[in-house]
Amino acid sequence: LTEPAGATVKVLVLTTFDLDEYVY
């Protein structure tokens, strides 16, 4: 969603834990 040139959509990640490798 974010890589294409001109992409404007913002992504907010949902997670269960604040220290999560997947979040990084």
PDB file of all heavy atoms in Angstrom:
ATOM      1  N   LEU A   1       0.807  -1.212   0.000  1.00  0.00           N
ATOM      2  CA  LEU A   1       0.000   0.000   0.000  1.00  0.00           C
ATOM      3  C   LEU A   1       0.847   1.272   0.000  1.00  0.00           C
ATOM      4  O   LEU A   1       0.441   2.289  -0.554  1.00  0.00           O
ATOM      5  CB  LEU A   1      -0.918   0.017   1.230  1.00  0.00           C
ATOM      6  CG  LEU A   1      -2.052  -1.001   1.246  1.00  0.00           C
ATOM      7  CD1 LEU A   1      -2.842  -0.898   2.546  1.00  0.00           C
ATOM      8  CD2 LEU A   1      -2.978  -0.813   0.057  1.00  0.00           C
ATOM      9  N   THR A   2       2.020   1.224   0.636  1.00  0.00           N
ATOM     10  CA  THR A   2       2.796   2.448   0.825  1.00  0.00           C
ATOM     11  C   THR A   2       3.957   2.621  -0.150  1.00  0.00           C
ATOM     12  O   THR A   2       4.457   3.738  -0.314  1.00  0.00           O
ATOM     13  CB  THR A   2       3.355   2.520   2.263  1.00  0.00           C
ATOM     14  OG1 THR A   2       4.215   1.393   2.502  1.00  0.00           O
ATOM     15  CG2 THR A   2       2.226   2.510   3.278  1.00  0.00           C
ATOM     16  N   GLU A   3       4.405   1.543  -0.788  1.00  0.00           N
ATOM     17  CA  GLU A   3       5.589   1.643  -1.662  1.00  0.00           C
ATOM     18  C   GLU A   3       5.346   2.346  -2.986  1.00  0.00           C
ATOM     19  O   GLU A   3       6.229   3.039  -3.482  1.00  0.00           O
ATOM     20  CB  GLU A   3       6.173   0.251  -1.920  1.00  0.00           C
ATOM     21  CG  GLU A   3       7.157  -0.195  -0.855  1.00  0.00           C
ATOM     22  CD  GLU A   3       7.931  -1.430  -1.274  1.00  0.00           C
ATOM     23  OE1 GLU A   3       7.562  -2.046  -2.306  1.00  0.00           O
ATOM     24  OE2 GLU A   3       8.880  -1.789  -0.569  1.00  0.00           O
ATOM     25  N   PRO A   4       4.164   2.139  -3.627  1.00  0.00           N
ATOM     26  CA  PRO A   4       3.994   2.756  -4.949  1.00  0.00           C
ATOM     27  C   PRO A   4       4.184   4.267  -4.917  1.00  0.00           C
ATOM     28  O   PRO A   4       3.787   4.933  -3.953  1.00  0.00           O
ATOM     29  CB  PRO A   4       2.535   2.393  -5.306  1.00  0.00           C
ATOM     30  CG  PRO A   4       2.242   1.173  -4.504  1.00  0.00           C
ATOM     31  CD  PRO A   4       2.995   1.359  -3.220  1.00  0.00           C
ATOM     32  N   ALA A   5       4.810   4.798  -5.956  1.00  0.00           N
ATOM     33  CA  ALA A   5       5.017   6.242  -6.058  1.00  0.00           C
ATOM     34  C   ALA A   5       3.670   6.953  -6.019  1.00  0.00           C
ATOM     35  O   ALA A   5       2.721   6.551  -6.698  1.00  0.00           O
ATOM     36  CB  ALA A   5       5.755   6.572  -7.347  1.00  0.00           C
ATOM     37  N   GLY A   6       3.583   7.971  -5.212  1.00  0.00           N
ATOM     38  CA  GLY A   6       2.348   8.731  -5.118  1.00  0.00           C
ATOM     39  C   GLY A   6       1.331   8.179  -4.144  1.00  0.00           C
ATOM     40  O   GLY A   6       0.247   8.751  -3.990  1.00  0.00           O
ATOM     41  N   ALA A   7       1.662   7.083  -3.468  1.00  0.00           N
ATOM     42  CA  ALA A   7       0.728   6.500  -2.499  1.00  0.00           C
ATOM     43  C   ALA A   7       0.491   7.486  -1.360  1.00  0.00           C
ATOM     44  O   ALA A   7       1.427   8.050  -0.813  1.00  0.00           O
ATOM     45  CB  ALA A   7       1.288   5.185  -1.964  1.00  0.00           C
ATOM     46  N   THR A   8      -0.766   7.694  -1.027  1.00  0.00           N
ATOM     47  CA  THR A   8      -1.091   8.664   0.024  1.00  0.00           C
ATOM     48  C   THR A   8      -1.738   8.032   1.244  1.00  0.00           C
ATOM     49  O   THR A   8      -1.842   8.668   2.291  1.00  0.00           O
ATOM     50  CB  THR A   8      -2.035   9.750  -0.514  1.00  0.00           C
ATOM     51  OG1 THR A   8      -3.233   9.125  -1.008  1.00  0.00           O
ATOM     52  CG2 THR A   8      -1.383  10.531  -1.636  1.00  0.00           C
ATOM     53  N   VAL A   9      -2.199   6.798   1.134  1.00  0.00           N
ATOM     54  CA  VAL A   9      -2.867   6.153   2.255  1.00  0.00           C
ATOM     55  C   VAL A   9      -1.882   5.958   3.409  1.00  0.00           C
ATOM     56  O   VAL A   9      -0.709   5.665   3.209  1.00  0.00           O
ATOM     57  CB  VAL A   9      -3.480   4.795   1.834  1.00  0.00           C
ATOM     58  CG1 VAL A   9      -2.401   3.782   1.459  1.00  0.00           C
ATOM     59  CG2 VAL A   9      -4.378   4.246   2.934  1.00  0.00           C
ATOM     60  N   LYS A  10      -2.372   6.174   4.628  1.00  0.00           N
ATOM     61  CA  LYS A  10      -1.563   5.985   5.832  1.00  0.00           C
ATOM     62  C   LYS A  10      -1.978   4.671   6.494  1.00  0.00           C
ATOM     63  O   LYS A  10      -3.168   4.342   6.526  1.00  0.00           O
ATOM     64  CB  LYS A  10      -1.768   7.142   6.803  1.00  0.00           C
ATOM     65  CG  LYS A  10      -1.474   8.517   6.212  1.00  0.00           C
ATOM     66  CD  LYS A  10      -0.018   8.661   5.840  1.00  0.00           C
ATOM     67  CE  LYS A  10       0.356  10.105   5.532  1.00  0.00           C
ATOM     68  NZ  LYS A  10      -0.447  10.717   4.473  1.00  0.00           N
ATOM     69  N   VAL A  11      -1.000   3.959   7.022  1.00  0.00           N
ATOM     70  CA  VAL A  11      -1.276   2.691   7.685  1.00  0.00           C
ATOM     71  C   VAL A  11      -0.966   2.806   9.166  1.00  0.00           C
ATOM     72  O   VAL A  11       0.117   3.231   9.564  1.00  0.00           O
ATOM     73  CB  VAL A  11      -0.462   1.536   7.070  1.00  0.00           C
ATOM     74  CG1 VAL A  11      -0.704   0.238   7.844  1.00  0.00           C
ATOM     75  CG2 VAL A  11      -0.816   1.351   5.602  1.00  0.00           C
ATOM     76  N   LEU A  12      -1.933   2.407   9.969  1.00  0.00           N
ATOM     77  CA  LEU A  12      -1.789   2.379  11.417  1.00  0.00           C
ATOM     78  C   LEU A  12      -1.887   0.922  11.847  1.00  0.00           C
ATOM     79  O   LEU A  12      -2.919   0.279  11.662  1.00  0.00           O
ATOM     80  CB  LEU A  12      -2.902   3.217  12.060  1.00  0.00           C
ATOM     81  CG  LEU A  12      -2.900   3.403  13.569  1.00  0.00           C
ATOM     82  CD1 LEU A  12      -1.614   4.067  14.036  1.00  0.00           C
ATOM     83  CD2 LEU A  12      -4.102   4.258  13.972  1.00  0.00           C
ATOM     84  N   VAL A  13      -0.807   0.376  12.366  1.00  0.00           N
ATOM     85  CA  VAL A  13      -0.741  -1.044  12.690  1.00  0.00           C
ATOM     86  C   VAL A  13      -1.422  -1.325  14.032  1.00  0.00           C
ATOM     87  O   VAL A  13      -1.225  -0.599  15.003  1.00  0.00           O
ATOM     88  CB  VAL A  13       0.720  -1.517  12.747  1.00  0.00           C
ATOM     89  CG1 VAL A  13       0.819  -2.963  13.221  1.00  0.00           C
ATOM     90  CG2 VAL A  13       1.361  -1.372  11.377  1.00  0.00           C
ATOM     91  N   LEU A  14      -2.208  -2.387  14.053  1.00  0.00           N
ATOM     92  CA  LEU A  14      -2.869  -2.826  15.276  1.00  0.00           C
ATOM     93  C   LEU A  14      -2.107  -4.011  15.856  1.00  0.00           C
ATOM     94  O   LEU A  14      -1.754  -4.937  15.133  1.00  0.00           O
ATOM     95  CB  LEU A  14      -4.307  -3.262  14.979  1.00  0.00           C
ATOM     96  CG  LEU A  14      -5.227  -2.190  14.387  1.00  0.00           C
ATOM     97  CD1 LEU A  14      -6.539  -2.815  13.951  1.00  0.00           C
ATOM     98  CD2 LEU A  14      -5.462  -1.084  15.394  1.00  0.00           C
ATOM     99  N   THR A  15      -1.830  -3.978  17.145  1.00  0.00           N
ATOM    100  CA  THR A  15      -1.081  -5.072  17.754  1.00  0.00           C
ATOM    101  C   THR A  15      -1.553  -5.304  19.181  1.00  0.00           C
ATOM    102  O   THR A  15      -2.168  -4.428  19.799  1.00  0.00           O
ATOM    103  CB  THR A  15       0.426  -4.773  17.743  1.00  0.00           C
ATOM    104  OG1 THR A  15       1.145  -5.889  18.268  1.00  0.00           O
ATOM    105  CG2 THR A  15       0.747  -3.549  18.576  1.00  0.00           C
ATOM    106  N   THR A  16      -1.251  -6.481  19.694  1.00  0.00           N
ATOM    107  CA  THR A  16      -1.634  -6.823  21.060  1.00  0.00           C
ATOM    108  C   THR A  16      -0.571  -6.407  22.060  1.00  0.00           C
ATOM    109  O   THR A  16      -0.868  -6.086  23.201  1.00  0.00           O
ATOM    110  CB  THR A  16      -1.884  -8.340  21.173  1.00  0.00           C
ATOM    111  OG1 THR A  16      -2.824  -8.739  20.169  1.00  0.00           O
ATOM    112  CG2 THR A  16      -2.442  -8.711  22.533  1.00  0.00           C
ATOM    113  N   PHE A  17       0.688  -6.407  21.611  1.00  0.00           N
ATOM    114  CA  PHE A  17       1.791  -6.085  22.505  1.00  0.00           C
ATOM    115  C   PHE A  17       2.608  -4.925  21.943  1.00  0.00           C
ATOM    116  O   PHE A  17       2.844  -4.859  20.746  1.00  0.00           O
ATOM    117  CB  PHE A  17       2.706  -7.303  22.681  1.00  0.00           C
ATOM    118  CG  PHE A  17       1.971  -8.538  23.104  1.00  0.00           C
ATOM    119  CD1 PHE A  17       1.701  -9.540  22.186  1.00  0.00           C
ATOM    120  CD2 PHE A  17       1.536  -8.693  24.411  1.00  0.00           C
ATOM    121  CE1 PHE A  17       1.010 -10.683  22.569  1.00  0.00           C
ATOM    122  CE2 PHE A  17       0.847  -9.820  24.796  1.00  0.00           C
ATOM    123  CZ  PHE A  17       0.579 -10.824  23.877  1.00  0.00           C
ATOM    124  N   ASP A  18       3.099  -4.038  22.823  1.00  0.00           N
ATOM    125  CA  ASP A  18       3.847  -2.888  22.325  1.00  0.00           C
ATOM    126  C   ASP A  18       5.266  -3.252  21.913  1.00  0.00           C
ATOM    127  O   ASP A  18       5.886  -2.547  21.129  1.00  0.00           O
ATOM    128  CB  ASP A  18       3.845  -1.724  23.328  1.00  0.00           C
ATOM    129  CG  ASP A  18       4.526  -2.053  24.645  1.00  0.00           C
ATOM    130  OD1 ASP A  18       5.055  -3.172  24.763  1.00  0.00           O
ATOM    131  OD2 ASP A  18       4.539  -1.207  25.539  1.00  0.00           O
ATOM    132  N   LEU A  19       5.816  -4.354  22.432  1.00  0.00           N
ATOM    133  CA  LEU A  19       7.123  -4.807  21.988  1.00  0.00           C
ATOM    134  C   LEU A  19       6.923  -6.044  21.134  1.00  0.00           C
ATOM    135  O   LEU A  19       6.827  -7.148  21.630  1.00  0.00           O
ATOM    136  CB  LEU A  19       8.036  -5.129  23.187  1.00  0.00           C
ATOM    137  CG  LEU A  19       8.916  -3.981  23.659  1.00  0.00           C
ATOM    138  CD1 LEU A  19       9.799  -4.427  24.807  1.00  0.00           C
ATOM    139  CD2 LEU A  19       9.774  -3.435  22.535  1.00  0.00           C
ATOM    140  N   ASP A  20       6.848  -5.839  19.872  1.00  0.00           N
ATOM    141  CA  ASP A  20       6.478  -6.898  18.945  1.00  0.00           C
ATOM    142  C   ASP A  20       7.359  -6.772  17.703  1.00  0.00           C
ATOM    143  O   ASP A  20       7.327  -5.764  17.026  1.00  0.00           O
ATOM    144  CB  ASP A  20       5.003  -6.735  18.578  1.00  0.00           C
ATOM    145  CG  ASP A  20       4.470  -7.844  17.693  1.00  0.00           C
ATOM    146  OD1 ASP A  20       5.270  -8.440  16.937  1.00  0.00           O
ATOM    147  OD2 ASP A  20       3.265  -8.101  17.745  1.00  0.00           O
ATOM    148  N   GLU A  21       8.141  -7.803  17.406  1.00  0.00           N
ATOM    149  CA  GLU A  21       9.052  -7.731  16.270  1.00  0.00           C
ATOM    150  C   GLU A  21       8.315  -7.431  14.972  1.00  0.00           C
ATOM    151  O   GLU A  21       8.820  -6.748  14.092  1.00  0.00           O
ATOM    152  CB  GLU A  21       9.832  -9.036  16.136  1.00  0.00           C
ATOM    153  CG  GLU A  21      10.860  -9.015  15.024  1.00  0.00           C
ATOM    154  CD  GLU A  21      11.727 -10.257  14.999  1.00  0.00           C
ATOM    155  OE1 GLU A  21      11.523 -11.139  15.845  1.00  0.00           O
ATOM    156  OE2 GLU A  21      12.599 -10.326  14.126  1.00  0.00           O
ATOM    157  N   TYR A  22       7.094  -7.935  14.877  1.00  0.00           N
ATOM    158  CA  TYR A  22       6.331  -7.708  13.660  1.00  0.00           C
ATOM    159  C   TYR A  22       5.973  -6.228  13.497  1.00  0.00           C
ATOM    160  O   TYR A  22       5.871  -5.727  12.387  1.00  0.00           O
ATOM    161  CB  TYR A  22       5.054  -8.555  13.663  1.00  0.00           C
ATOM    162  CG  TYR A  22       5.332 -10.031  13.560  1.00  0.00           C
ATOM    163  CD1 TYR A  22       5.235 -10.856  14.679  1.00  0.00           C
ATOM    164  CD2 TYR A  22       5.697 -10.607  12.352  1.00  0.00           C
ATOM    165  CE1 TYR A  22       5.495 -12.216  14.594  1.00  0.00           C
ATOM    166  CE2 TYR A  22       5.963 -11.958  12.247  1.00  0.00           C
ATOM    167  CZ  TYR A  22       5.862 -12.760  13.378  1.00  0.00           C
ATOM    168  OH  TYR A  22       6.134 -14.099  13.285  1.00  0.00           O
ATOM    169  N   VAL A  23       5.780  -5.549  14.621  1.00  0.00           N
ATOM    170  CA  VAL A  23       5.476  -4.122  14.550  1.00  0.00           C
ATOM    171  C   VAL A  23       6.659  -3.371  13.972  1.00  0.00           C
ATOM    172  O   VAL A  23       6.504  -2.500  13.113  1.00  0.00           O
ATOM    173  CB  VAL A  23       5.124  -3.577  15.955  1.00  0.00           C
ATOM    174  CG1 VAL A  23       5.039  -2.057  15.925  1.00  0.00           C
ATOM    175  CG2 VAL A  23       3.812  -4.158  16.430  1.00  0.00           C
ATOM    176  N   TYR A  24       7.858  -3.716  14.419  1.00  0.00           N
ATOM    177  CA  TYR A  24       9.049  -3.064  13.879  1.00  0.00           C
ATOM    178  C   TYR A  24       9.152  -3.297  12.379  1.00  0.00           C
ATOM    179  O   TYR A  24       9.455  -2.375  11.613  1.00  0.00           O
ATOM    180  CB  TYR A  24      10.307  -3.586  14.588  1.00  0.00           C
ATOM    181  CG  TYR A  24      11.576  -3.051  13.989  1.00  0.00           C
ATOM    182  CD1 TYR A  24      11.894  -1.701  14.109  1.00  0.00           C
ATOM    183  CD2 TYR A  24      12.444  -3.867  13.274  1.00  0.00           C
ATOM    184  CE1 TYR A  24      13.045  -1.185  13.546  1.00  0.00           C
ATOM    185  CE2 TYR A  24      13.591  -3.364  12.713  1.00  0.00           C
ATOM    186  CZ  TYR A  24      13.892  -2.029  12.856  1.00  0.00           C
ATOM    187  OH  TYR A  24      15.026  -1.519  12.287  1.00  0.00           O
TER     188      TYR A  24
END
